[in-house]
Amino acid sequence: MGTADVPRVRLRFLRRLAKKILPASAVTSYRRRRARRQYLQGLGEALSWPSEGQGDEALELEQITRRYGFYQALAKDALDATDEVLQTLDRRIEGLAARHGEQLRSIREEVAALRSSLQEFGRNLRDLAEQQRSERNAPP
C-alpha cells in the first residue's frame, strides 16, 4: 500500500501524529529517506528516454514544469531544515549568553565585595600598626 492509496488528509494527520510521538532522530531519518526517494524518482523521470509519442511541446512543457516543481520542493525542504537548525542554534546561543551574563554579574559582585573587604582589612592593619607605634613611643 503506497502513499497514493491513503487520502491526503489522513496522511497529513498521521505525519503530525508521528512528529509528536516519535523521537526527533526518527522523524529526521524518515524525512531524509522520503526526500531521497522523491529525488531519485524525479531524477529517474528527468533522465528517462523520451517515448515515441512525446514529441509534442505540451508534454515537454509538462516535464519541465514537473522538474521545476521537484527542484523547488527540494530547495524548500533544504531551507526549512536549515532554518530549523539555525533557530536551534540561536536558542542555544541566547541561553549561553544569558547564563554567562548572570555569571559575569555575580563575579563582578564578588570582586566588589572582595575589594571592599580588602580595603577594610588595610584600614584595620594601618590602625593596628599605628597603635603598636604609639605603644612603643609612649613613656613607661
C-alpha atoms as a PDB file:
ATOM      1  CA  MET A   1       0.000   0.000   0.000  1.00  0.00           C
ATOM      2  CA  GLY A   2       1.667   3.213  -1.168  1.00  0.00           C
ATOM      3  CA  THR A   3       1.004   6.785  -0.161  1.00  0.00           C
ATOM      4  CA  ALA A   4      -1.176   7.230  -3.242  1.00  0.00           C
ATOM      5  CA  ASP A   5      -3.714   4.799  -1.708  1.00  0.00           C
ATOM      6  CA  VAL A   6      -4.097   6.822   1.531  1.00  0.00           C
ATOM      7  CA  PRO A   7      -6.223  10.006   1.472  1.00  0.00           C
ATOM      8  CA  ARG A   8      -4.168  13.198   1.847  1.00  0.00           C
ATOM      9  CA  VAL A   9      -5.969  14.388   4.997  1.00  0.00           C
ATOM     10  CA  ARG A  10      -5.384  11.094   6.774  1.00  0.00           C
ATOM     11  CA  LEU A  11      -1.751  11.022   5.688  1.00  0.00           C
ATOM     12  CA  ARG A  12      -1.232  14.568   6.968  1.00  0.00           C
ATOM     13  CA  PHE A  13      -2.825  13.598  10.282  1.00  0.00           C
ATOM     14  CA  LEU A  14      -0.586  10.525  10.567  1.00  0.00           C
ATOM     15  CA  ARG A  15       2.532  12.586   9.835  1.00  0.00           C
ATOM     16  CA  ARG A  16       1.634  15.151  12.533  1.00  0.00           C
ATOM     17  CA  LEU A  17       0.947  12.356  14.997  1.00  0.00           C
ATOM     18  CA  ALA A  18       4.273  10.700  14.155  1.00  0.00           C
ATOM     19  CA  LYS A  19       6.103  14.025  14.722  1.00  0.00           C
ATOM     20  CA  LYS A  20       4.567  14.298  18.183  1.00  0.00           C
ATOM     21  CA  ILE A  21       5.149  10.682  19.217  1.00  0.00           C
ATOM     22  CA  LEU A  22       8.428   9.652  17.600  1.00  0.00           C
ATOM     23  CA  PRO A  23      11.830  10.982  18.649  1.00  0.00           C
ATOM     24  CA  ALA A  24      13.300  13.770  16.518  1.00  0.00           C
ATOM     25  CA  SER A  25      16.010  11.471  15.123  1.00  0.00           C
ATOM     26  CA  ALA A  26      13.402   9.035  13.757  1.00  0.00           C
ATOM     27  CA  VAL A  27      11.419  11.869  12.156  1.00  0.00           C
ATOM     28  CA  THR A  28      14.589  13.292  10.607  1.00  0.00           C
ATOM     29  CA  SER A  29      15.573   9.866   9.304  1.00  0.00           C
ATOM     30  CA  TYR A  30      12.122   9.409   7.759  1.00  0.00           C
ATOM     31  CA  ARG A  31      12.293  12.850   6.131  1.00  0.00           C
ATOM     32  CA  ARG A  32      15.712  12.112   4.661  1.00  0.00           C
ATOM     33  CA  ARG A  33      14.544   8.754   3.299  1.00  0.00           C
ATOM     34  CA  ARG A  34      11.440  10.359   1.802  1.00  0.00           C
ATOM     35  CA  ALA A  35      13.423  13.225   0.252  1.00  0.00           C
ATOM     36  CA  ARG A  36      15.952  10.749  -1.174  1.00  0.00           C
ATOM     37  CA  ARG A  37      13.148   8.624  -2.664  1.00  0.00           C
ATOM     38  CA  GLN A  38      11.478  11.697  -4.188  1.00  0.00           C
ATOM     39  CA  TYR A  39      14.826  12.926  -5.510  1.00  0.00           C
ATOM     40  CA  LEU A  40      15.612   9.594  -7.158  1.00  0.00           C
ATOM     41  CA  GLN A  41      12.124   9.339  -8.648  1.00  0.00           C
ATOM     42  CA  GLY A  42      12.425  12.859 -10.030  1.00  0.00           C
ATOM     43  CA  LEU A  43      15.907  12.161 -11.322  1.00  0.00           C
ATOM     44  CA  GLY A  44      14.657   8.984 -12.983  1.00  0.00           C
ATOM     45  CA  GLU A  45      11.878  10.943 -14.677  1.00  0.00           C
ATOM     46  CA  ALA A  46      14.299  13.648 -15.759  1.00  0.00           C
ATOM     47  CA  LEU A  47      16.760  11.163 -17.207  1.00  0.00           C
ATOM     48  CA  SER A  48      14.220   8.789 -18.762  1.00  0.00           C
ATOM     49  CA  TRP A  49      14.298   8.329 -22.512  1.00  0.00           C
ATOM     50  CA  PRO A  50      11.504  10.119 -24.297  1.00  0.00           C
ATOM     51  CA  SER A  51       8.995   7.694 -25.740  1.00  0.00           C
ATOM     52  CA  GLU A  52       7.985   7.875 -29.371  1.00  0.00           C
ATOM     53  CA  GLY A  53       4.767   9.783 -28.657  1.00  0.00           C
ATOM     54  CA  GLN A  54       6.448  12.508 -26.608  1.00  0.00           C
ATOM     55  CA  GLY A  55       7.427  14.704 -29.472  1.00  0.00           C
ATOM     56  CA  ASP A  56       4.945  17.464 -28.882  1.00  0.00           C
ATOM     57  CA  GLU A  57       5.651  20.654 -26.968  1.00  0.00           C
ATOM     58  CA  ALA A  58       2.857  20.284 -24.391  1.00  0.00           C
ATOM     59  CA  LEU A  59       4.427  17.134 -22.949  1.00  0.00           C
ATOM     60  CA  GLU A  60       7.842  18.767 -22.983  1.00  0.00           C
ATOM     61  CA  LEU A  61       6.480  21.776 -21.103  1.00  0.00           C
ATOM     62  CA  GLU A  62       4.788  19.488 -18.581  1.00  0.00           C
ATOM     63  CA  GLN A  63       8.051  17.651 -17.989  1.00  0.00           C
ATOM     64  CA  ILE A  64       9.954  20.911 -17.483  1.00  0.00           C
ATOM     65  CA  THR A  65       7.276  22.165 -15.086  1.00  0.00           C
ATOM     66  CA  ARG A  66       7.422  18.907 -13.123  1.00  0.00           C
ATOM     67  CA  ARG A  67      11.212  19.181 -12.860  1.00  0.00           C
ATOM     68  CA  TYR A  68      10.946  22.808 -11.688  1.00  0.00           C
ATOM     69  CA  GLY A  69       8.391  21.836  -9.043  1.00  0.00           C
ATOM     70  CA  PHE A  70      10.581  18.982  -7.868  1.00  0.00           C
ATOM     71  CA  TYR A  71      13.662  21.173  -7.510  1.00  0.00           C
ATOM     72  CA  GLN A  72      11.592  23.899  -5.856  1.00  0.00           C
ATOM     73  CA  ALA A  73      10.219  21.413  -3.303  1.00  0.00           C
ATOM     74  CA  LEU A  74      13.717  20.047  -2.671  1.00  0.00           C
ATOM     75  CA  ALA A  75      15.090  23.564  -2.137  1.00  0.00           C
ATOM     76  CA  LYS A  76      12.181  24.413   0.181  1.00  0.00           C
ATOM     77  CA  ASP A  77      12.836  21.289   2.275  1.00  0.00           C
ATOM     78  CA  ALA A  78      16.543  22.124   2.490  1.00  0.00           C
ATOM     79  CA  LEU A  79      15.779  25.715   3.518  1.00  0.00           C
ATOM     80  CA  ASP A  80      13.267  24.551   6.134  1.00  0.00           C
ATOM     81  CA  ALA A  81      15.799  22.142   7.625  1.00  0.00           C
ATOM     82  CA  THR A  82      18.495  24.838   7.621  1.00  0.00           C
ATOM     83  CA  ASP A  83      16.104  27.315   9.247  1.00  0.00           C
ATOM     84  CA  GLU A  84      15.248  24.803  11.955  1.00  0.00           C
ATOM     85  CA  VAL A  85      18.947  24.227  12.687  1.00  0.00           C
ATOM     86  CA  LEU A  86      19.613  27.976  12.805  1.00  0.00           C
ATOM     87  CA  GLN A  87      16.710  28.551  15.186  1.00  0.00           C
ATOM     88  CA  THR A  88      18.005  25.807  17.479  1.00  0.00           C
ATOM     89  CA  LEU A  89      21.489  27.305  17.445  1.00  0.00           C
ATOM     90  CA  ASP A  90      20.062  30.773  18.092  1.00  0.00           C
ATOM     91  CA  ARG A  91      18.174  29.496  21.145  1.00  0.00           C
ATOM     92  CA  ARG A  92      21.328  27.792  22.445  1.00  0.00           C
ATOM     93  CA  ILE A  93      23.391  30.955  21.943  1.00  0.00           C
ATOM     94  CA  GLU A  94      20.791  33.084  23.733  1.00  0.00           C
ATOM     95  CA  GLY A  95      20.752  30.633  26.637  1.00  0.00           C
ATOM     96  CA  LEU A  96      24.542  30.667  26.875  1.00  0.00           C
ATOM     97  CA  ALA A  97      24.660  34.455  26.689  1.00  0.00           C
ATOM     98  CA  ALA A  98      22.080  34.767  29.465  1.00  0.00           C
ATOM     99  CA  ARG A  99      23.906  32.241  31.636  1.00  0.00           C
ATOM    100  CA  HIS A 100      27.295  33.834  31.072  1.00  0.00           C
ATOM    101  CA  GLY A 101      25.871  37.305  31.682  1.00  0.00           C
ATOM    102  CA  GLU A 102      24.498  36.115  35.025  1.00  0.00           C
ATOM    103  CA  GLN A 103      27.851  34.543  35.903  1.00  0.00           C
ATOM    104  CA  LEU A 104      29.707  37.742  34.993  1.00  0.00           C
ATOM    105  CA  ARG A 105      27.378  39.810  37.179  1.00  0.00           C
ATOM    106  CA  SER A 106      27.912  37.510  40.144  1.00  0.00           C
ATOM    107  CA  ILE A 107      31.700  37.535  39.615  1.00  0.00           C
ATOM    108  CA  ARG A 108      31.699  41.349  39.460  1.00  0.00           C
ATOM    109  CA  GLU A 109      29.709  41.485  42.691  1.00  0.00           C
ATOM    110  CA  GLU A 110      32.177  39.095  44.332  1.00  0.00           C
ATOM    111  CA  VAL A 111      35.134  41.195  43.145  1.00  0.00           C
ATOM    112  CA  ALA A 112      33.493  44.362  44.523  1.00  0.00           C
ATOM    113  CA  ALA A 113      32.861  42.628  47.868  1.00  0.00           C
ATOM    114  CA  LEU A 114      36.474  41.387  47.969  1.00  0.00           C
ATOM    115  CA  ARG A 115      37.780  44.896  47.199  1.00  0.00           C
ATOM    116  CA  SER A 116      35.752  46.442  49.985  1.00  0.00           C
ATOM    117  CA  SER A 117      36.818  43.754  52.470  1.00  0.00           C
ATOM    118  CA  LEU A 118      40.447  44.191  51.348  1.00  0.00           C
ATOM    119  CA  GLN A 119      40.198  47.954  51.890  1.00  0.00           C
ATOM    120  CA  GLU A 120      38.676  47.343  55.317  1.00  0.00           C
ATOM    121  CA  PHE A 121      41.488  44.918  56.120  1.00  0.00           C
ATOM    122  CA  GLY A 122      44.065  47.520  55.003  1.00  0.00           C
ATOM    123  CA  ARG A 123      42.489  50.149  57.256  1.00  0.00           C
ATOM    124  CA  ASN A 124      42.454  47.772  60.202  1.00  0.00           C
ATOM    125  CA  LEU A 125      46.078  46.848  59.544  1.00  0.00           C
ATOM    126  CA  ARG A 126      47.101  50.542  59.461  1.00  0.00           C
ATOM    127  CA  ASP A 127      45.207  51.229  62.670  1.00  0.00           C
ATOM    128  CA  LEU A 128      46.892  48.280  64.348  1.00  0.00           C
ATOM    129  CA  ALA A 129      50.335  49.395  63.154  1.00  0.00           C
ATOM    130  CA  GLU A 130      49.699  52.904  64.487  1.00  0.00           C
ATOM    131  CA  GLN A 131      48.586  51.543  67.830  1.00  0.00           C
ATOM    132  CA  GLN A 132      51.771  49.491  68.128  1.00  0.00           C
ATOM    133  CA  ARG A 133      53.915  52.531  67.231  1.00  0.00           C
ATOM    134  CA  SER A 134      52.148  54.677  69.757  1.00  0.00           C
ATOM    135  CA  GLU A 135      52.572  51.997  72.422  1.00  0.00           C
ATOM    136  CA  ARG A 136      56.301  51.794  71.662  1.00  0.00           C
ATOM    137  CA  ASN A 137      56.712  55.568  71.701  1.00  0.00           C
ATOM    138  CA  ALA A 138      54.664  56.058  74.863  1.00  0.00           C
ATOM    139  CA  PRO A 139      56.640  56.782  78.035  1.00  0.00           C
ATOM    140  CA  PRO A 140      56.769  53.945  80.545  1.00  0.00           C
END
